[in-house]
Amino acid sequence: MGLLLFGVAKDIAGRSMITLPDGITTVGDLKTWLLATYPGLQQLNSLMIAVNREYAADNQLVAANDEIAVIPPVSGG
């Protein structure tokens, strides 16, 4: 299962795609693993996860064929 990263999340992780380990079954599991593996992401005020191009709650299940992305805070004016 892969995870796409954009913007500052990509900069912090140093890559645009991460292969997730086995055992991640929910968005909450993914966030826990992601913040433990890339602690620099904890500095972000908010970090949303999108599954199949829709924002996902922590209890949403994820599957190997899902498109999963980290959406960092967006700034602009």
PDB file of N, CA and C in Angstrom:
ATOM      1  N   MET A   1       0.854  -1.166   0.000  1.00  0.00           N
ATOM      2  CA  MET A   1       0.000   0.000   0.000  1.00  0.00           C
ATOM      3  C   MET A   1       0.901   1.230   0.000  1.00  0.00           C
ATOM      4  N   GLY A   2       0.585   2.181  -0.850  1.00  0.00           N
ATOM      5  CA  GLY A   2       1.396   3.382  -0.955  1.00  0.00           C
ATOM      6  C   GLY A   2       0.691   4.610  -0.421  1.00  0.00           C
ATOM      7  N   LEU A   3       1.488   5.584  -0.030  1.00  0.00           N
ATOM      8  CA  LEU A   3       0.989   6.842   0.515  1.00  0.00           C
ATOM      9  C   LEU A   3       1.636   7.980  -0.255  1.00  0.00           C
ATOM     10  N   LEU A   4       0.823   8.863  -0.824  1.00  0.00           N
ATOM     11  CA  LEU A   4       1.318  10.027  -1.552  1.00  0.00           C
ATOM     12  C   LEU A   4       1.446  11.206  -0.603  1.00  0.00           C
ATOM     13  N   LEU A   5       2.524  11.977  -0.763  1.00  0.00           N
ATOM     14  CA  LEU A   5       2.734  13.162   0.071  1.00  0.00           C
ATOM     15  C   LEU A   5       2.874  14.388  -0.816  1.00  0.00           C
ATOM     16  N   PHE A   6       2.322  15.512  -0.346  1.00  0.00           N
ATOM     17  CA  PHE A   6       2.356  16.753  -1.105  1.00  0.00           C
ATOM     18  C   PHE A   6       2.842  17.899  -0.225  1.00  0.00           C
ATOM     19  N   GLY A   7       3.286  18.967  -0.874  1.00  0.00           N
ATOM     20  CA  GLY A   7       3.656  20.203  -0.184  1.00  0.00           C
ATOM     21  C   GLY A   7       4.700  20.015   0.894  1.00  0.00           C
ATOM     22  N   VAL A   8       4.466  20.652   2.046  1.00  0.00           N
ATOM     23  CA  VAL A   8       5.426  20.624   3.142  1.00  0.00           C
ATOM     24  C   VAL A   8       5.581  19.210   3.711  1.00  0.00           C
ATOM     25  N   ALA A   9       4.543  18.384   3.634  1.00  0.00           N
ATOM     26  CA  ALA A   9       4.659  17.000   4.109  1.00  0.00           C
ATOM     27  C   ALA A   9       5.694  16.247   3.271  1.00  0.00           C
ATOM     28  N   LYS A  10       5.681  16.482   1.979  1.00  0.00           N
ATOM     29  CA  LYS A  10       6.675  15.889   1.081  1.00  0.00           C
ATOM     30  C   LYS A  10       8.069  16.391   1.434  1.00  0.00           C
ATOM     31  N   ASP A  11       8.198  17.675   1.706  1.00  0.00           N
ATOM     32  CA  ASP A  11       9.493  18.254   2.062  1.00  0.00           C
ATOM     33  C   ASP A  11      10.032  17.654   3.359  1.00  0.00           C
ATOM     34  N   ILE A  12       9.171  17.509   4.361  1.00  0.00           N
ATOM     35  CA  ILE A  12       9.601  16.970   5.652  1.00  0.00           C
ATOM     36  C   ILE A  12      10.018  15.510   5.523  1.00  0.00           C
ATOM     37  N   ALA A  13       9.229  14.724   4.797  1.00  0.00           N
ATOM     38  CA  ALA A  13       9.531  13.296   4.655  1.00  0.00           C
ATOM     39  C   ALA A  13      10.676  13.045   3.679  1.00  0.00           C
ATOM     40  N   GLY A  14      10.927  14.005   2.795  1.00  0.00           N
ATOM     41  CA  GLY A  14      12.005  13.841   1.827  1.00  0.00           C
ATOM     42  C   GLY A  14      11.657  12.933   0.667  1.00  0.00           C
ATOM     43  N   ARG A  15      10.380  12.701   0.472  1.00  0.00           N
ATOM     44  CA  ARG A  15       9.938  11.855  -0.641  1.00  0.00           C
ATOM     45  C   ARG A  15       8.475  12.133  -0.943  1.00  0.00           C
ATOM     46  N   SER A  16       8.052  11.767  -2.137  1.00  0.00           N
ATOM     47  CA  SER A  16       6.668  12.017  -2.537  1.00  0.00           C
ATOM     48  C   SER A  16       5.778  10.790  -2.390  1.00  0.00           C
ATOM     49  N   MET A  17       6.389   9.631  -2.161  1.00  0.00           N
ATOM     50  CA  MET A  17       5.610   8.411  -1.964  1.00  0.00           C
ATOM     51  C   MET A  17       6.299   7.523  -0.946  1.00  0.00           C
ATOM     52  N   ILE A  18       5.485   6.931  -0.079  1.00  0.00           N
ATOM     53  CA  ILE A  18       5.982   6.030   0.961  1.00  0.00           C
ATOM     54  C   ILE A  18       5.221   4.719   0.841  1.00  0.00           C
ATOM     55  N   THR A  19       5.935   3.617   0.936  1.00  0.00           N
ATOM     56  CA  THR A  19       5.288   2.313   1.002  1.00  0.00           C
ATOM     57  C   THR A  19       4.966   2.022   2.456  1.00  0.00           C
ATOM     58  N   LEU A  20       3.706   1.753   2.728  1.00  0.00           N
ATOM     59  CA  LEU A  20       3.262   1.515   4.101  1.00  0.00           C
ATOM     60  C   LEU A  20       3.495   0.064   4.505  1.00  0.00           C
ATOM     61  N   PRO A  21       3.806  -0.165   5.768  1.00  0.00           N
ATOM     62  CA  PRO A  21       4.012  -1.533   6.237  1.00  0.00           C
ATOM     63  C   PRO A  21       2.677  -2.271   6.377  1.00  0.00           C
ATOM     64  N   ASP A  22       2.755  -3.586   6.444  1.00  0.00           N
ATOM     65  CA  ASP A  22       1.566  -4.393   6.699  1.00  0.00           C
ATOM     66  C   ASP A  22       1.012  -4.056   8.077  1.00  0.00           C
ATOM     67  N   GLY A  23      -0.263  -4.271   8.259  1.00  0.00           N
ATOM     68  CA  GLY A  23      -0.875  -4.070   9.563  1.00  0.00           C
ATOM     69  C   GLY A  23      -1.616  -2.759   9.709  1.00  0.00           C
ATOM     70  N   ILE A  24      -1.489  -1.872   8.740  1.00  0.00           N
ATOM     71  CA  ILE A  24      -2.228  -0.610   8.791  1.00  0.00           C
ATOM     72  C   ILE A  24      -3.592  -0.858   8.161  1.00  0.00           C
ATOM     73  N   THR A  25      -4.632  -0.739   8.974  1.00  0.00           N
ATOM     74  CA  THR A  25      -5.978  -1.039   8.484  1.00  0.00           C
ATOM     75  C   THR A  25      -6.918   0.158   8.528  1.00  0.00           C
ATOM     76  N   THR A  26      -6.547   1.192   9.279  1.00  0.00           N
ATOM     77  CA  THR A  26      -7.395   2.387   9.365  1.00  0.00           C
ATOM     78  C   THR A  26      -6.555   3.642   9.157  1.00  0.00           C
ATOM     79  N   VAL A  27      -7.224   4.742   8.910  1.00  0.00           N
ATOM     80  CA  VAL A  27      -6.548   6.033   8.788  1.00  0.00           C
ATOM     81  C   VAL A  27      -5.852   6.379  10.101  1.00  0.00           C
ATOM     82  N   GLY A  28      -6.461   6.053  11.225  1.00  0.00           N
ATOM     83  CA  GLY A  28      -5.836   6.300  12.527  1.00  0.00           C
ATOM     84  C   GLY A  28      -4.527   5.543  12.682  1.00  0.00           C
ATOM     85  N   ASP A  29      -4.510   4.262  12.264  1.00  0.00           N
ATOM     86  CA  ASP A  29      -3.272   3.474  12.282  1.00  0.00           C
ATOM     87  C   ASP A  29      -2.207   4.153  11.428  1.00  0.00           C
ATOM     88  N   LEU A  30      -2.626   4.611  10.263  1.00  0.00           N
ATOM     89  CA  LEU A  30      -1.707   5.263   9.336  1.00  0.00           C
ATOM     90  C   LEU A  30      -1.105   6.514   9.962  1.00  0.00           C
ATOM     91  N   LYS A  31      -1.938   7.362  10.583  1.00  0.00           N
ATOM     92  CA  LYS A  31      -1.434   8.589  11.211  1.00  0.00           C
ATOM     93  C   LYS A  31      -0.450   8.272  12.334  1.00  0.00           C
ATOM     94  N   THR A  32      -0.781   7.287  13.152  1.00  0.00           N
ATOM     95  CA  THR A  32       0.111   6.903  14.253  1.00  0.00           C
ATOM     96  C   THR A  32       1.460   6.472  13.714  1.00  0.00           C
ATOM     97  N   TRP A  33       1.458   5.608  12.703  1.00  0.00           N
ATOM     98  CA  TRP A  33       2.705   5.128  12.107  1.00  0.00           C
ATOM     99  C   TRP A  33       3.469   6.284  11.453  1.00  0.00           C
ATOM    100  N   LEU A  34       2.749   7.119  10.714  1.00  0.00           N
ATOM    101  CA  LEU A  34       3.383   8.216   9.983  1.00  0.00           C
ATOM    102  C   LEU A  34       4.090   9.184  10.923  1.00  0.00           C
ATOM    103  N   LEU A  35       3.426   9.578  12.007  1.00  0.00           N
ATOM    104  CA  LEU A  35       4.025  10.529  12.947  1.00  0.00           C
ATOM    105  C   LEU A  35       5.173   9.911  13.739  1.00  0.00           C
ATOM    106  N   ALA A  36       5.131   8.610  13.982  1.00  0.00           N
ATOM    107  CA  ALA A  36       6.240   7.938  14.662  1.00  0.00           C
ATOM    108  C   ALA A  36       7.438   7.783  13.730  1.00  0.00           C
ATOM    109  N   THR A  37       7.173   7.549  12.451  1.00  0.00           N
ATOM    110  CA  THR A  37       8.241   7.322  11.475  1.00  0.00           C
ATOM    111  C   THR A  37       8.846   8.628  10.980  1.00  0.00           C
ATOM    112  N   TYR A  38       8.026   9.654  10.859  1.00  0.00           N
ATOM    113  CA  TYR A  38       8.463  10.974  10.394  1.00  0.00           C
ATOM    114  C   TYR A  38       8.044  12.015  11.435  1.00  0.00           C
ATOM    115  N   PRO A  39       8.739  12.084  12.576  1.00  0.00           N
ATOM    116  CA  PRO A  39       8.327  12.975  13.665  1.00  0.00           C
ATOM    117  C   PRO A  39       8.282  14.452  13.281  1.00  0.00           C
ATOM    118  N   GLY A  40       8.988  14.843  12.247  1.00  0.00           N
ATOM    119  CA  GLY A  40       8.940  16.227  11.792  1.00  0.00           C
ATOM    120  C   GLY A  40       7.544  16.652  11.357  1.00  0.00           C
ATOM    121  N   LEU A  41       6.704  15.697  10.993  1.00  0.00           N
ATOM    122  CA  LEU A  41       5.338  16.017  10.582  1.00  0.00           C
ATOM    123  C   LEU A  41       4.492  16.524  11.746  1.00  0.00           C
ATOM    124  N   GLN A  42       4.934  16.264  12.976  1.00  0.00           N
ATOM    125  CA  GLN A  42       4.184  16.715  14.148  1.00  0.00           C
ATOM    126  C   GLN A  42       4.154  18.239  14.262  1.00  0.00           C
ATOM    127  N   GLN A  43       5.073  18.919  13.583  1.00  0.00           N
ATOM    128  CA  GLN A  43       5.105  20.381  13.637  1.00  0.00           C
ATOM    129  C   GLN A  43       3.977  21.030  12.835  1.00  0.00           C
ATOM    130  N   LEU A  44       3.297  20.259  12.005  1.00  0.00           N
ATOM    131  CA  LEU A  44       2.209  20.814  11.203  1.00  0.00           C
ATOM    132  C   LEU A  44       0.972  21.023  12.069  1.00  0.00           C
ATOM    133  N   ASN A  45       0.287  22.139  11.865  1.00  0.00           N
ATOM    134  CA  ASN A  45      -0.919  22.445  12.640  1.00  0.00           C
ATOM    135  C   ASN A  45      -2.042  21.459  12.370  1.00  0.00           C
ATOM    136  N   SER A  46      -2.132  21.014  11.151  1.00  0.00           N
ATOM    137  CA  SER A  46      -3.147  20.031  10.794  1.00  0.00           C
ATOM    138  C   SER A  46      -2.588  19.146   9.699  1.00  0.00           C
ATOM    139  N   LEU A  47      -3.087  17.947   9.671  1.00  0.00           N
ATOM    140  CA  LEU A  47      -2.628  16.977   8.685  1.00  0.00           C
ATOM    141  C   LEU A  47      -3.831  16.113   8.346  1.00  0.00           C
ATOM    142  N   MET A  48      -4.317  16.242   7.140  1.00  0.00           N
ATOM    143  CA  MET A  48      -5.486  15.478   6.724  1.00  0.00           C
ATOM    144  C   MET A  48      -5.046  14.316   5.846  1.00  0.00           C
ATOM    145  N   ILE A  49      -5.817  13.264   5.917  1.00  0.00           N
ATOM    146  CA  ILE A  49      -5.589  12.108   5.060  1.00  0.00           C
ATOM    147  C   ILE A  49      -6.776  11.997   4.117  1.00  0.00           C
ATOM    148  N   ALA A  50      -6.492  11.819   2.845  1.00  0.00           N
ATOM    149  CA  ALA A  50      -7.540  11.593   1.855  1.00  0.00           C
ATOM    150  C   ALA A  50      -7.433  10.155   1.363  1.00  0.00           C
ATOM    151  N   VAL A  51      -8.566   9.496   1.286  1.00  0.00           N
ATOM    152  CA  VAL A  51      -8.634   8.144   0.744  1.00  0.00           C
ATOM    153  C   VAL A  51      -9.536   8.211  -0.482  1.00  0.00           C
ATOM    154  N   ASN A  52      -8.971   7.818  -1.614  1.00  0.00           N
ATOM    155  CA  ASN A  52      -9.705   7.885  -2.883  1.00  0.00           C
ATOM    156  C   ASN A  52     -10.282   9.282  -3.122  1.00  0.00           C
ATOM    157  N   ARG A  53      -9.432  10.272  -2.853  1.00  0.00           N
ATOM    158  CA  ARG A  53      -9.696  11.691  -3.136  1.00  0.00           C
ATOM    159  C   ARG A  53     -10.794  12.320  -2.280  1.00  0.00           C
ATOM    160  N   GLU A  54     -11.075  11.701  -1.122  1.00  0.00           N
ATOM    161  CA  GLU A  54     -12.021  12.292  -0.178  1.00  0.00           C
ATOM    162  C   GLU A  54     -11.398  12.267   1.205  1.00  0.00           C
ATOM    163  N   TYR A  55     -11.582  13.368   1.952  1.00  0.00           N
ATOM    164  CA  TYR A  55     -11.046  13.409   3.313  1.00  0.00           C
ATOM    165  C   TYR A  55     -11.611  12.252   4.120  1.00  0.00           C
ATOM    166  N   ALA A  56     -10.759  11.673   4.968  1.00  0.00           N
ATOM    167  CA  ALA A  56     -11.135  10.470   5.700  1.00  0.00           C
ATOM    168  C   ALA A  56     -11.002  10.669   7.205  1.00  0.00           C
ATOM    169  N   ALA A  57     -11.936  10.094   7.947  1.00  0.00           N
ATOM    170  CA  ALA A  57     -11.885  10.090   9.410  1.00  0.00           C
ATOM    171  C   ALA A  57     -10.921   9.006   9.880  1.00  0.00           C
ATOM    172  N   ASP A  58     -10.470   9.130  11.123  1.00  0.00           N
ATOM    173  CA  ASP A  58      -9.493   8.183  11.662  1.00  0.00           C
ATOM    174  C   ASP A  58      -9.988   6.743  11.672  1.00  0.00           C
ATOM    175  N   ASN A  59     -11.295   6.529  11.752  1.00  0.00           N
ATOM    176  CA  ASN A  59     -11.814   5.163  11.822  1.00  0.00           C
ATOM    177  C   ASN A  59     -12.094   4.551  10.451  1.00  0.00           C
ATOM    178  N   GLN A  60     -11.818   5.293   9.377  1.00  0.00           N
ATOM    179  CA  GLN A  60     -12.057   4.753   8.037  1.00  0.00           C
ATOM    180  C   GLN A  60     -11.056   3.655   7.721  1.00  0.00           C
ATOM    181  N   LEU A  61     -11.564   2.557   7.171  1.00  0.00           N
ATOM    182  CA  LEU A  61     -10.702   1.452   6.767  1.00  0.00           C
ATOM    183  C   LEU A  61      -9.959   1.818   5.492  1.00  0.00           C
ATOM    184  N   VAL A  62      -8.739   1.288   5.359  1.00  0.00           N
ATOM    185  CA  VAL A  62      -7.957   1.470   4.140  1.00  0.00           C
ATOM    186  C   VAL A  62      -7.588   0.102   3.591  1.00  0.00           C
ATOM    187  N   ALA A  63      -7.523   0.024   2.271  1.00  0.00           N
ATOM    188  CA  ALA A  63      -7.198  -1.233   1.599  1.00  0.00           C
ATOM    189  C   ALA A  63      -6.051  -1.000   0.629  1.00  0.00           C
ATOM    190  N   ALA A  64      -5.437  -2.094   0.212  1.00  0.00           N
ATOM    191  CA  ALA A  64      -4.252  -2.022  -0.645  1.00  0.00           C
ATOM    192  C   ALA A  64      -4.515  -1.272  -1.947  1.00  0.00           C
ATOM    193  N   ASN A  65      -5.723  -1.331  -2.473  1.00  0.00           N
ATOM    194  CA  ASN A  65      -6.002  -0.688  -3.757  1.00  0.00           C
ATOM    195  C   ASN A  65      -6.493   0.756  -3.619  1.00  0.00           C
ATOM    196  N   ASP A  66      -6.556   1.286  -2.394  1.00  0.00           N
ATOM    197  CA  ASP A  66      -6.974   2.672  -2.183  1.00  0.00           C
ATOM    198  C   ASP A  66      -5.867   3.645  -2.572  1.00  0.00           C
ATOM    199  N   GLU A  67      -6.264   4.821  -3.056  1.00  0.00           N
ATOM    200  CA  GLU A  67      -5.325   5.923  -3.259  1.00  0.00           C
ATOM    201  C   GLU A  67      -5.343   6.744  -1.974  1.00  0.00           C
ATOM    202  N   ILE A  68      -4.218   6.773  -1.275  1.00  0.00           N
ATOM    203  CA  ILE A  68      -4.135   7.443   0.021  1.00  0.00           C
ATOM    204  C   ILE A  68      -3.127   8.580  -0.089  1.00  0.00           C
ATOM    205  N   ALA A  69      -3.509   9.754   0.412  1.00  0.00           N
ATOM    206  CA  ALA A  69      -2.635  10.918   0.308  1.00  0.00           C
ATOM    207  C   ALA A  69      -2.643  11.719   1.603  1.00  0.00           C
ATOM    208  N   VAL A  70      -1.487  12.301   1.910  1.00  0.00           N
ATOM    209  CA  VAL A  70      -1.356  13.227   3.034  1.00  0.00           C
ATOM    210  C   VAL A  70      -1.580  14.627   2.484  1.00  0.00           C
ATOM    211  N   ILE A  71      -2.533  15.332   3.089  1.00  0.00           N
ATOM    212  CA  ILE A  71      -2.842  16.691   2.669  1.00  0.00           C
ATOM    213  C   ILE A  71      -2.408  17.634   3.790  1.00  0.00           C
ATOM    214  N   PRO A  72      -1.290  18.347   3.601  1.00  0.00           N
ATOM    215  CA  PRO A  72      -0.815  19.270   4.638  1.00  0.00           C
ATOM    216  C   PRO A  72      -1.649  20.545   4.643  1.00  0.00           C
ATOM    217  N   PRO A  73      -1.452  21.387   5.650  1.00  0.00           N
ATOM    218  CA  PRO A  73      -2.155  22.674   5.668  1.00  0.00           C
ATOM    219  C   PRO A  73      -1.838  23.465   4.401  1.00  0.00           C
ATOM    220  N   VAL A  74      -2.839  24.138   3.886  1.00  0.00           N
ATOM    221  CA  VAL A  74      -2.668  24.932   2.673  1.00  0.00           C
ATOM    222  C   VAL A  74      -2.705  26.403   3.065  1.00  0.00           C
ATOM    223  N   SER A  75      -1.735  27.145   2.560  1.00  0.00           N
ATOM    224  CA  SER A  75      -1.730  28.579   2.839  1.00  0.00           C
ATOM    225  C   SER A  75      -1.964  29.325   1.539  1.00  0.00           C
ATOM    226  N   GLY A  76      -2.369  30.520   1.657  1.00  0.00           N
ATOM    227  CA  GLY A  76      -2.599  31.317   0.460  1.00  0.00           C
ATOM    228  C   GLY A  76      -3.398  32.550   0.806  1.00  0.00           C
ATOM    229  N   GLY A  77      -3.700  33.293  -0.200  1.00  0.00           N
ATOM    230  CA  GLY A  77      -4.445  34.509   0.073  1.00  0.00           C
ATOM    231  C   GLY A  77      -5.375  34.861  -1.030  1.00  0.00           C
TER     232      GLY A  77
END
